[in-house]
Amino acid sequence: MGFNDRLKVFAGNANPELAQEIADHLGMALGEVEVDRFSNGEIRVLINESVRGTDVFIIQPTCTPVNDSLMELLIMIDAFKRASAGRVTAVIPFYGYARQDRKTRGREPITAKLVANLITTAGADRVLTVDLHAGQIQGFFDIPVDHLSSVPLLAEYLRGRGLGDNLIVVSPDPGGVPRARDLARHLKAPIGIIDKRRPAPNVSEVLNVIGEVEGRTAILVDDIIDTAGSITQGAQALKDLGACNIYACATHPVLSGPAWERLNNSPIEELIVTNTIPVNGKREKLTVLSMAHLLGEAILRIHQDLSVSKLFD
């Protein structure tokens, strides 16, 4: 068997453009699979080529519509296992339900763990993902998880923008400090922290800004931008404290509800995201960077039983 016979890449309906880019990077065609619906809405999967003994990678972020994307992934995994695939890797660039990773009050679910159980029970042999909302989610799986970071990609783009030396990288909340510290290390910049609290889901209040931002170019960095409340409130707080230019970076552009209205009315000059989640249409202020090269190289390394972490050395 040649290299291309042993490695096969398939795509669900969540982000076919990213899957095609990954296949192009690997110099191969996407595998032939039908993922559609019965008339009552149930998901139907049909694999139209032999996968017996092959190394199968399923590209499927669990993004909007989250439940449909997740069920597609689970059913595809089951189909490939029953078709005698040698190994099945779930490539989940965006891991939905990741924000429900712990109990913050009584009688709450830990849905990130439930989803990990479902993926494992469906038959996945390993998982490849990007910038989990909380690193401990890797431990929710009883199978290997390869966890990629978008920070080197974001840093390379920002360096290419020629923003100068007078930078500060700002985390929009204390939980995101490790991510901000990583980007700051790449850019050789200090970090700042916005202290906030959440009185309700998707609602945040800025309390305090830690760090010297006056006269600096501020780069806000987060893993997810959903309704854009945190990032735009943070940007306004930085502007009020004298930041001269404000950029925002995020791996996963969920961008739901009032996100675009808030971003357009904010002092953010440019929003830099990746294509783990498809973004419909071109938007003012928006720059989308592709994760295809990084994911493609990781797939190649997993297939060849090489170190994935060396991608970041």
Protein backbone atom coordinates (compact mmCIF):
# COMPACT_ATOMS: atom_id res chain seq x y z
CA MET A 1 0.00 0.00 0.00
CA GLY A 2 1.29 3.47 -0.83
CA PHE A 3 1.14 6.53 1.41
CA ASN A 4 -2.12 7.84 -0.09
CA ASP A 5 -3.78 4.43 0.18
CA ARG A 6 -3.17 4.17 3.91
CA LEU A 7 -4.20 7.76 4.81
CA LYS A 8 -7.71 8.98 4.07
CA VAL A 9 -9.30 12.32 4.99
CA PHE A 10 -13.07 12.76 5.12
CA ALA A 11 -15.26 15.80 5.83
CA GLY A 12 -18.62 16.32 7.46
CA ASN A 13 -20.80 19.33 6.64
CA ALA A 14 -19.51 21.66 9.38
CA ASN A 15 -16.49 23.16 7.57
CA PRO A 16 -15.94 21.58 4.13
CA GLU A 17 -13.77 24.51 2.96
CA LEU A 18 -11.19 23.88 5.70
CA ALA A 19 -11.29 20.13 4.98
CA GLN A 20 -10.60 20.80 1.29
CA GLU A 21 -7.67 23.08 2.17
CA ILE A 22 -6.21 20.36 4.40
CA ALA A 23 -6.59 17.77 1.64
CA ASP A 24 -4.94 20.17 -0.84
CA HIS A 25 -2.04 20.67 1.59
CA LEU A 26 -1.63 16.89 1.83
CA GLY A 27 -1.81 16.58 -1.97
CA MET A 28 -4.78 14.22 -1.91
CA ALA A 29 -8.50 14.19 -2.62
CA LEU A 30 -11.10 14.14 0.14
CA GLY A 31 -12.61 10.72 0.72
CA GLU A 32 -16.00 9.91 -0.78
CA VAL A 33 -18.73 10.03 1.86
CA GLU A 34 -22.36 11.15 1.80
CA VAL A 35 -23.59 12.97 4.90
CA ASP A 36 -27.18 14.08 4.46
CA ARG A 37 -30.62 13.78 6.07
CA PHE A 38 -33.61 11.47 6.00
CA SER A 39 -36.90 13.32 5.51
CA ASN A 40 -37.51 13.45 9.29
CA GLY A 41 -34.13 15.13 9.91
CA GLU A 42 -32.17 12.07 11.04
CA ILE A 43 -28.58 12.03 9.79
CA ARG A 44 -27.62 9.52 7.10
CA VAL A 45 -23.99 8.58 6.44
CA LEU A 46 -22.79 6.44 3.54
CA ILE A 47 -19.10 5.76 2.86
CA ASN A 48 -18.56 5.27 -0.87
CA GLU A 49 -15.08 3.72 -0.82
CA SER A 50 -13.24 1.02 1.07
CA VAL A 51 -11.55 2.13 4.29
CA ARG A 52 -10.59 -1.32 5.59
CA GLY A 53 -7.32 -1.09 7.51
CA THR A 54 -6.75 2.59 6.63
CA ASP A 55 -5.84 5.57 8.81
CA VAL A 56 -9.00 7.72 8.72
CA PHE A 57 -9.18 11.39 9.72
CA ILE A 58 -12.63 13.03 9.99
CA ILE A 59 -12.58 16.86 9.73
CA GLN A 60 -15.59 18.12 11.69
CA PRO A 61 -15.61 21.12 14.06
CA THR A 62 -18.66 21.00 16.32
CA CYS A 63 -19.74 24.52 15.41
CA THR A 64 -23.18 25.99 14.61
CA PRO A 65 -25.52 24.14 14.31
CA VAL A 66 -23.66 22.53 17.21
CA ASN A 67 -25.93 19.55 17.86
CA ASP A 68 -26.17 18.61 14.17
CA SER A 69 -22.39 18.90 13.77
CA LEU A 70 -21.79 16.75 16.84
CA MET A 71 -24.26 14.05 15.76
CA GLU A 72 -22.72 14.00 12.27
CA LEU A 73 -19.30 13.43 13.84
CA LEU A 74 -20.53 10.62 16.12
CA ILE A 75 -22.37 8.82 13.32
CA MET A 76 -19.39 9.17 10.96
CA ILE A 77 -17.05 7.70 13.58
CA ASP A 78 -19.42 4.77 14.07
CA ALA A 79 -19.69 4.22 10.30
CA PHE A 80 -15.91 4.13 9.83
CA LYS A 81 -15.36 1.79 12.78
CA ARG A 82 -18.02 -0.59 11.42
CA ALA A 83 -16.32 -0.37 8.00
CA SER A 84 -13.13 -1.77 9.63
CA ALA A 85 -11.01 1.39 9.44
CA GLY A 86 -7.62 0.70 11.01
CA ARG A 87 -7.70 3.87 13.13
CA VAL A 88 -10.15 6.77 13.32
CA THR A 89 -9.00 10.24 14.38
CA ALA A 90 -11.64 12.89 15.04
CA VAL A 91 -10.20 16.21 13.84
CA ILE A 92 -12.25 18.76 15.78
CA PRO A 93 -10.75 22.22 15.10
CA PHE A 94 -13.47 23.79 17.31
CA TYR A 95 -14.70 21.73 20.26
CA GLY A 96 -18.28 22.76 21.03
CA TYR A 97 -19.64 22.75 24.60
CA ALA A 98 -16.09 23.42 25.85
CA ARG A 99 -17.26 26.34 28.01
CA GLN A 100 -19.27 23.95 30.18
CA ASP A 101 -16.11 22.37 31.58
CA ARG A 102 -16.83 22.55 35.34
CA LYS A 103 -19.59 23.17 37.85
CA THR A 104 -19.70 26.79 38.97
CA ARG A 105 -22.95 26.35 40.89
CA GLY A 106 -25.16 23.48 42.01
CA ARG A 107 -27.06 21.21 39.60
CA GLU A 108 -25.07 22.16 36.48
CA PRO A 109 -23.89 19.64 33.85
CA ILE A 110 -20.26 19.26 32.80
CA THR A 111 -21.12 19.00 29.13
CA ALA A 112 -17.52 19.09 27.87
CA LYS A 113 -16.98 15.76 29.67
CA LEU A 114 -20.24 14.32 28.31
CA VAL A 115 -19.19 15.18 24.74
CA ALA A 116 -15.78 13.57 25.34
CA ASN A 117 -17.56 10.41 26.52
CA LEU A 118 -19.79 10.40 23.43
CA ILE A 119 -16.84 10.75 21.03
CA THR A 120 -14.93 7.97 22.80
CA THR A 121 -17.97 5.67 22.97
CA ALA A 122 -18.66 6.23 19.25
CA GLY A 123 -15.26 4.65 18.61
CA ALA A 124 -12.72 7.43 17.97
CA ASP A 125 -9.16 6.23 18.57
CA ARG A 126 -7.74 9.71 19.03
CA VAL A 127 -8.67 13.39 18.80
CA LEU A 128 -6.91 16.33 17.14
CA THR A 129 -8.15 19.76 18.21
CA VAL A 130 -7.16 23.44 18.37
CA ASP A 131 -7.12 25.80 21.38
CA LEU A 132 -9.48 24.10 23.79
CA HIS A 133 -11.31 26.58 26.01
CA ALA A 134 -9.80 24.84 29.02
CA GLY A 135 -6.68 22.69 28.83
CA GLN A 136 -8.04 20.16 31.31
CA ILE A 137 -10.60 19.00 28.72
CA GLN A 138 -7.77 16.86 27.31
CA GLY A 139 -8.07 14.86 30.53
CA PHE A 140 -11.79 14.28 29.93
CA PHE A 141 -10.81 11.81 27.20
CA ASP A 142 -9.52 8.29 27.81
CA ILE A 143 -7.93 8.32 24.34
CA PRO A 144 -4.95 10.38 23.10
CA VAL A 145 -5.64 14.08 22.37
CA ASP A 146 -3.30 16.17 20.24
CA HIS A 147 -3.85 19.84 21.11
CA LEU A 148 -2.64 22.49 18.64
CA SER A 149 -2.18 26.20 19.33
CA SER A 150 -2.99 29.02 16.91
CA VAL A 151 -0.69 31.44 18.77
CA PRO A 152 2.35 30.99 16.43
CA LEU A 153 0.09 31.66 13.41
CA LEU A 154 -1.41 34.79 15.02
CA ALA A 155 2.04 36.01 16.11
CA GLU A 156 3.49 35.55 12.61
CA TYR A 157 0.65 37.62 11.12
CA LEU A 158 0.98 40.37 13.75
CA ARG A 159 4.74 40.62 13.23
CA GLY A 160 4.09 40.97 9.51
CA ARG A 161 1.72 43.88 10.21
CA GLY A 162 4.67 45.94 11.44
CA LEU A 163 2.91 47.22 14.56
CA GLY A 164 6.13 48.47 16.12
CA ASP A 165 7.76 47.72 19.47
CA ASN A 166 5.37 49.61 21.72
CA LEU A 167 2.96 46.68 22.16
CA ILE A 168 1.03 45.19 25.05
CA VAL A 169 -0.83 41.87 24.82
CA VAL A 170 -3.99 41.90 26.92
CA SER A 171 -6.07 39.01 28.23
CA PRO A 172 -9.78 39.92 28.43
CA ASP A 173 -10.09 37.89 31.66
CA PRO A 174 -7.79 36.24 34.23
CA GLY A 175 -8.52 32.77 32.81
CA GLY A 176 -6.92 33.68 29.48
CA VAL A 177 -3.58 34.80 30.97
CA PRO A 178 -1.59 31.72 29.80
CA ARG A 179 -2.73 32.36 26.21
CA ALA A 180 -1.83 36.08 26.44
CA ARG A 181 1.53 35.20 27.99
CA ASP A 182 2.27 32.81 25.11
CA LEU A 183 1.46 35.44 22.46
CA ALA A 184 3.40 38.08 24.39
CA ARG A 185 6.42 35.75 24.44
CA HIS A 186 6.27 35.37 20.66
CA LEU A 187 5.95 39.15 20.20
CA LYS A 188 8.43 40.02 22.98
CA ALA A 189 5.83 42.28 24.60
CA PRO A 190 4.50 42.78 28.14
CA ILE A 191 1.04 41.54 29.12
CA GLY A 192 -2.01 43.18 30.64
CA ILE A 193 -5.09 41.64 32.26
CA ILE A 194 -8.71 42.81 32.33
CA ASP A 195 -10.44 41.83 35.55
CA LYS A 196 -14.13 41.16 34.97
CA ARG A 197 -17.03 39.18 36.32
CA ARG A 198 -20.00 37.47 34.65
CA PRO A 199 -23.33 38.15 36.36
CA ALA A 200 -25.03 35.93 33.73
CA PRO A 201 -24.01 33.83 30.67
CA ASN A 202 -22.81 36.00 27.74
CA VAL A 203 -22.82 39.07 30.05
CA SER A 204 -19.61 40.56 31.42
CA GLU A 205 -18.57 43.67 33.32
CA VAL A 206 -15.09 45.20 33.24
CA LEU A 207 -13.85 45.92 36.74
CA ASN A 208 -10.18 46.82 36.40
CA VAL A 209 -7.27 46.81 33.94
CA ILE A 210 -3.88 45.57 35.15
CA GLY A 211 -0.90 46.77 33.13
CA GLU A 212 0.44 49.92 31.47
CA VAL A 213 -1.62 50.56 28.32
CA GLU A 214 -1.37 54.32 27.85
CA GLY A 215 0.25 55.21 24.53
CA ARG A 216 0.65 51.58 23.52
CA THR A 217 -0.78 49.41 20.76
CA ALA A 218 -2.94 46.87 22.57
CA ILE A 219 -3.60 43.36 21.27
CA LEU A 220 -6.53 41.60 22.94
CA VAL A 221 -6.33 37.81 22.63
CA ASP A 222 -8.98 35.18 23.43
CA ASP A 223 -9.81 31.66 22.33
CA ILE A 224 -13.48 32.28 21.43
CA ILE A 225 -15.38 35.40 20.39
CA ASP A 226 -19.08 34.62 20.75
CA THR A 227 -21.36 37.64 21.31
CA ALA A 228 -18.23 39.89 21.45
CA GLY A 229 -19.32 41.47 24.73
CA SER A 230 -16.07 40.74 26.60
CA ILE A 231 -13.74 41.75 23.79
CA THR A 232 -15.54 45.01 22.92
CA GLN A 233 -15.95 46.06 26.57
CA GLY A 234 -12.29 45.31 27.07
CA ALA A 235 -11.34 47.33 23.99
CA GLN A 236 -13.35 50.31 25.24
CA ALA A 237 -11.68 50.10 28.66
CA LEU A 238 -8.24 50.06 26.99
CA LYS A 239 -9.21 53.05 24.81
CA ASP A 240 -10.40 54.97 27.89
CA LEU A 241 -7.02 54.29 29.53
CA GLY A 242 -5.13 55.79 26.57
CA ALA A 243 -4.29 52.86 24.28
CA CYS A 244 -3.55 54.34 20.85
CA ASN A 245 -4.45 51.34 18.64
CA ILE A 246 -6.42 48.23 19.53
CA TYR A 247 -6.39 44.87 17.73
CA ALA A 248 -8.24 41.71 18.71
CA CYS A 249 -7.28 38.08 18.04
CA ALA A 250 -9.23 34.88 18.57
CA THR A 251 -8.95 31.32 17.34
CA HIS A 252 -12.65 30.51 17.08
CA PRO A 253 -14.99 33.11 15.48
CA VAL A 254 -18.36 31.94 16.85
CA LEU A 255 -19.70 35.51 16.34
CA SER A 256 -23.34 34.99 17.32
CA GLY A 257 -26.19 37.37 18.15
CA PRO A 258 -25.08 41.02 18.43
CA ALA A 259 -21.39 40.26 17.79
CA TRP A 260 -20.96 42.15 14.50
CA GLU A 261 -22.90 45.20 15.67
CA ARG A 262 -20.74 45.39 18.78
CA LEU A 263 -17.50 44.91 16.85
CA ASN A 264 -18.40 47.54 14.24
CA ASN A 265 -19.18 50.07 17.00
CA SER A 266 -16.04 49.27 19.00
CA PRO A 267 -12.57 50.88 18.91
CA ILE A 268 -11.10 47.60 17.60
CA GLU A 269 -9.27 48.35 14.33
CA GLU A 270 -8.86 44.77 13.16
CA LEU A 271 -10.21 41.40 14.29
CA ILE A 272 -7.88 38.50 13.43
CA VAL A 273 -9.37 35.00 13.61
CA THR A 274 -8.74 31.55 12.13
CA ASN A 275 -10.95 29.35 9.97
CA THR A 276 -11.63 26.62 12.55
CA ILE A 277 -15.22 27.84 12.15
CA PRO A 278 -16.47 29.07 8.74
CA VAL A 279 -17.12 32.83 8.57
CA ASN A 280 -19.77 33.79 6.04
CA GLY A 281 -18.92 36.71 3.78
CA LYS A 282 -16.24 39.38 3.99
CA ARG A 283 -16.53 41.84 6.84
CA GLU A 284 -14.94 45.16 7.54
CA LYS A 285 -12.19 44.85 10.18
CA LEU A 286 -12.03 41.04 9.75
CA THR A 287 -8.95 39.02 8.78
CA VAL A 288 -9.21 35.20 8.60
CA LEU A 289 -6.04 33.09 8.81
CA SER A 290 -6.03 29.46 7.68
CA MET A 291 -5.23 26.59 10.05
CA ALA A 292 -5.04 24.14 7.12
CA HIS A 293 -1.22 23.99 6.99
CA LEU A 294 -0.90 23.33 10.74
CA LEU A 295 -3.71 20.76 10.82
CA GLY A 296 -2.39 19.08 7.67
CA GLU A 297 1.11 18.77 9.14
CA ALA A 298 -0.32 17.41 12.40
CA ILE A 299 -2.36 14.81 10.48
CA LEU A 300 0.77 13.78 8.57
CA ARG A 301 2.76 13.44 11.80
CA ILE A 302 0.03 11.40 13.52
CA HIS A 303 -0.18 9.14 10.46
CA GLN A 304 3.60 8.63 10.46
CA ASP A 305 3.77 8.20 14.28
CA LEU A 306 5.96 11.30 14.65
CA SER A 307 5.90 13.96 17.37
CA VAL A 308 3.16 16.58 16.92
CA SER A 309 4.65 18.91 19.57
CA LYS A 310 7.75 19.38 17.39
CA LEU A 311 5.55 21.49 15.08
CA PHE A 312 5.87 24.22 17.73
CA ASP A 313 9.61 23.94 18.46
